[in-house]
């Protein structure tokens, strides 16, 4: 089962955007380089990614099996738009549903 618990937003001004969410909602961000910052609470992770053009938010579904999630999405009629790739802490891929909505699925690496 996939759990929707991630929302990625574009930030044209990373500092101002982080400041807004910190002041407005109390988010505490962790920077993962100059292009990405994340805030996590018990319910949802919010990611900010640097982009000069605002685009719709990118919802994410956490999975424990990235290969099975990709297969299930394809079998259900989804289209993979960005193949599985690594990010700090795990792997993810992007897909579209039959209506063209862009989303992602991700899996954290096992911590040993």
C-alpha atoms as a PDB file:
ATOM      1  CA  UNK A   1       0.000   0.000   0.000  1.00  0.00           C
ATOM      2  CA  UNK A   2       1.194   3.476  -0.850  1.00  0.00           C
ATOM      3  CA  UNK A   3       0.784   6.286   1.688  1.00  0.00           C
ATOM      4  CA  UNK A   4       0.247   9.851   0.418  1.00  0.00           C
ATOM      5  CA  UNK A   5       2.400  11.861   2.820  1.00  0.00           C
ATOM      6  CA  UNK A   6       4.632  14.132   0.749  1.00  0.00           C
ATOM      7  CA  UNK A   7       4.054  17.416  -1.056  1.00  0.00           C
ATOM      8  CA  UNK A   8       6.768  19.082  -3.120  1.00  0.00           C
ATOM      9  CA  UNK A   9       6.436  22.797  -3.800  1.00  0.00           C
ATOM     10  CA  UNK A  10       8.484  24.985  -6.121  1.00  0.00           C
ATOM     11  CA  UNK A  11      10.373  27.893  -4.608  1.00  0.00           C
ATOM     12  CA  UNK A  12      11.402  30.802  -6.815  1.00  0.00           C
ATOM     13  CA  UNK A  13      13.070  32.355  -3.738  1.00  0.00           C
ATOM     14  CA  UNK A  14      14.191  29.580  -1.382  1.00  0.00           C
ATOM     15  CA  UNK A  15      14.964  31.834   1.618  1.00  0.00           C
ATOM     16  CA  UNK A  16      11.684  33.756   1.421  1.00  0.00           C
ATOM     17  CA  UNK A  17       9.641  30.588   0.889  1.00  0.00           C
ATOM     18  CA  UNK A  18      11.264  28.785   3.822  1.00  0.00           C
ATOM     19  CA  UNK A  19      10.748  31.867   5.996  1.00  0.00           C
ATOM     20  CA  UNK A  20       7.056  32.007   5.055  1.00  0.00           C
ATOM     21  CA  UNK A  21       6.367  28.373   5.993  1.00  0.00           C
ATOM     22  CA  UNK A  22       8.421  28.656   9.173  1.00  0.00           C
ATOM     23  CA  UNK A  23       6.594  31.781  10.347  1.00  0.00           C
ATOM     24  CA  UNK A  24       3.114  30.826   9.114  1.00  0.00           C
ATOM     25  CA  UNK A  25       3.086  27.147  10.116  1.00  0.00           C
ATOM     26  CA  UNK A  26       6.094  26.540  12.363  1.00  0.00           C
ATOM     27  CA  UNK A  27       7.924  24.280   9.888  1.00  0.00           C
ATOM     28  CA  UNK A  28      11.534  23.416  10.681  1.00  0.00           C
ATOM     29  CA  UNK A  29      13.484  22.864   7.443  1.00  0.00           C
ATOM     30  CA  UNK A  30      16.550  20.742   6.759  1.00  0.00           C
ATOM     31  CA  UNK A  31      18.630  21.828   3.765  1.00  0.00           C
ATOM     32  CA  UNK A  32      19.865  19.148   1.368  1.00  0.00           C
ATOM     33  CA  UNK A  33      21.957  21.508  -0.751  1.00  0.00           C
ATOM     34  CA  UNK A  34      21.017  24.840  -2.340  1.00  0.00           C
ATOM     35  CA  UNK A  35      18.243  23.393  -4.512  1.00  0.00           C
ATOM     36  CA  UNK A  36      16.171  21.443  -1.951  1.00  0.00           C
ATOM     37  CA  UNK A  37      14.948  21.764   1.612  1.00  0.00           C
ATOM     38  CA  UNK A  38      12.494  19.597   3.531  1.00  0.00           C
ATOM     39  CA  UNK A  39      10.246  19.955   6.558  1.00  0.00           C
ATOM     40  CA  UNK A  40       8.843  16.852   8.208  1.00  0.00           C
ATOM     41  CA  UNK A  41       6.178  16.388  10.839  1.00  0.00           C
ATOM     42  CA  UNK A  42       4.262  13.309  11.967  1.00  0.00           C
ATOM     43  CA  UNK A  43       1.726  13.542   9.138  1.00  0.00           C
ATOM     44  CA  UNK A  44       3.334  14.966   6.005  1.00  0.00           C
ATOM     45  CA  UNK A  45       6.697  15.983   4.623  1.00  0.00           C
ATOM     46  CA  UNK A  46       6.868  19.263   2.707  1.00  0.00           C
ATOM     47  CA  UNK A  47       9.701  19.614   0.210  1.00  0.00           C
ATOM     48  CA  UNK A  48      10.819  22.871  -1.390  1.00  0.00           C
ATOM     49  CA  UNK A  49      12.686  22.602  -4.662  1.00  0.00           C
ATOM     50  CA  UNK A  50      14.284  25.546  -6.410  1.00  0.00           C
ATOM     51  CA  UNK A  51      12.477  26.432  -9.619  1.00  0.00           C
ATOM     52  CA  UNK A  52      12.187  29.815 -11.319  1.00  0.00           C
ATOM     53  CA  UNK A  53       8.727  28.975 -12.660  1.00  0.00           C
ATOM     54  CA  UNK A  54       6.001  28.071 -10.172  1.00  0.00           C
ATOM     55  CA  UNK A  55       4.189  24.876 -11.157  1.00  0.00           C
ATOM     56  CA  UNK A  56       1.451  22.888  -9.409  1.00  0.00           C
ATOM     57  CA  UNK A  57       2.504  21.049  -6.224  1.00  0.00           C
ATOM     58  CA  UNK A  58       3.878  17.538  -6.647  1.00  0.00           C
ATOM     59  CA  UNK A  59       2.183  15.029  -4.306  1.00  0.00           C
ATOM     60  CA  UNK A  60       4.151  11.975  -3.251  1.00  0.00           C
ATOM     61  CA  UNK A  61       3.280   8.470  -2.142  1.00  0.00           C
ATOM     62  CA  UNK A  62       5.626   6.614   0.189  1.00  0.00           C
ATOM     63  CA  UNK A  63       6.079   2.923  -0.502  1.00  0.00           C
ATOM     64  CA  UNK A  64       8.069   0.089   1.013  1.00  0.00           C
ATOM     65  CA  UNK A  65       8.684  -1.479  -2.431  1.00  0.00           C
ATOM     66  CA  UNK A  66       9.540   0.979  -5.224  1.00  0.00           C
ATOM     67  CA  UNK A  67       9.602  -1.713  -7.946  1.00  0.00           C
ATOM     68  CA  UNK A  68       6.148  -2.999  -6.990  1.00  0.00           C
ATOM     69  CA  UNK A  69       4.773   0.560  -6.850  1.00  0.00           C
ATOM     70  CA  UNK A  70       6.094   1.259 -10.357  1.00  0.00           C
ATOM     71  CA  UNK A  71       4.586  -1.976 -11.675  1.00  0.00           C
ATOM     72  CA  UNK A  72       1.217  -1.295  -9.997  1.00  0.00           C
ATOM     73  CA  UNK A  73       1.079   2.245 -11.391  1.00  0.00           C
ATOM     74  CA  UNK A  74       1.848   1.032 -14.926  1.00  0.00           C
ATOM     75  CA  UNK A  75      -0.681  -1.814 -14.628  1.00  0.00           C
ATOM     76  CA  UNK A  76      -3.346   0.653 -13.453  1.00  0.00           C
ATOM     77  CA  UNK A  77      -2.856   2.842 -16.541  1.00  0.00           C
ATOM     78  CA  UNK A  78      -0.349   5.364 -15.201  1.00  0.00           C
ATOM     79  CA  UNK A  79       2.585   6.655 -17.248  1.00  0.00           C
ATOM     80  CA  UNK A  80       6.103   6.831 -15.832  1.00  0.00           C
ATOM     81  CA  UNK A  81       7.487  10.295 -16.645  1.00  0.00           C
ATOM     82  CA  UNK A  82      10.815  10.090 -14.790  1.00  0.00           C
ATOM     83  CA  UNK A  83      12.492   6.727 -14.178  1.00  0.00           C
ATOM     84  CA  UNK A  84      13.580   5.632 -10.708  1.00  0.00           C
ATOM     85  CA  UNK A  85      16.486   7.716  -9.429  1.00  0.00           C
ATOM     86  CA  UNK A  86      18.270   8.218  -6.127  1.00  0.00           C
ATOM     87  CA  UNK A  87      17.784  11.152  -3.783  1.00  0.00           C
ATOM     88  CA  UNK A  88      19.381  11.695  -0.343  1.00  0.00           C
ATOM     89  CA  UNK A  89      17.904   8.868   1.709  1.00  0.00           C
ATOM     90  CA  UNK A  90      16.188   6.787  -0.928  1.00  0.00           C
ATOM     91  CA  UNK A  91      14.825   6.377  -4.447  1.00  0.00           C
ATOM     92  CA  UNK A  92      11.846   7.830  -6.303  1.00  0.00           C
ATOM     93  CA  UNK A  93      10.138   8.094  -9.698  1.00  0.00           C
ATOM     94  CA  UNK A  94       7.545  10.416 -11.230  1.00  0.00           C
ATOM     95  CA  UNK A  95       4.333   9.397 -12.967  1.00  0.00           C
ATOM     96  CA  UNK A  96       1.076  10.746 -14.387  1.00  0.00           C
ATOM     97  CA  UNK A  97      -2.380   9.397 -13.785  1.00  0.00           C
ATOM     98  CA  UNK A  98      -4.751   8.955 -16.773  1.00  0.00           C
ATOM     99  CA  UNK A  99      -5.920  12.591 -16.370  1.00  0.00           C
ATOM    100  CA  UNK A 100      -2.364  13.931 -16.618  1.00  0.00           C
ATOM    101  CA  UNK A 101      -1.785  14.743 -12.937  1.00  0.00           C
ATOM    102  CA  UNK A 102       1.937  14.528 -12.088  1.00  0.00           C
ATOM    103  CA  UNK A 103       2.890  12.703  -8.868  1.00  0.00           C
ATOM    104  CA  UNK A 104       5.797  10.760  -7.436  1.00  0.00           C
ATOM    105  CA  UNK A 105       6.386   7.573  -5.508  1.00  0.00           C
ATOM    106  CA  UNK A 106       9.343   7.174  -3.188  1.00  0.00           C
ATOM    107  CA  UNK A 107      11.030   4.688  -0.893  1.00  0.00           C
ATOM    108  CA  UNK A 108      13.412   5.507   1.921  1.00  0.00           C
ATOM    109  CA  UNK A 109      16.556   3.389   2.208  1.00  0.00           C
ATOM    110  CA  UNK A 110      16.645   0.865   5.011  1.00  0.00           C
ATOM    111  CA  UNK A 111      18.585   2.217   7.967  1.00  0.00           C
ATOM    112  CA  UNK A 112      20.893  -0.451   9.333  1.00  0.00           C
END
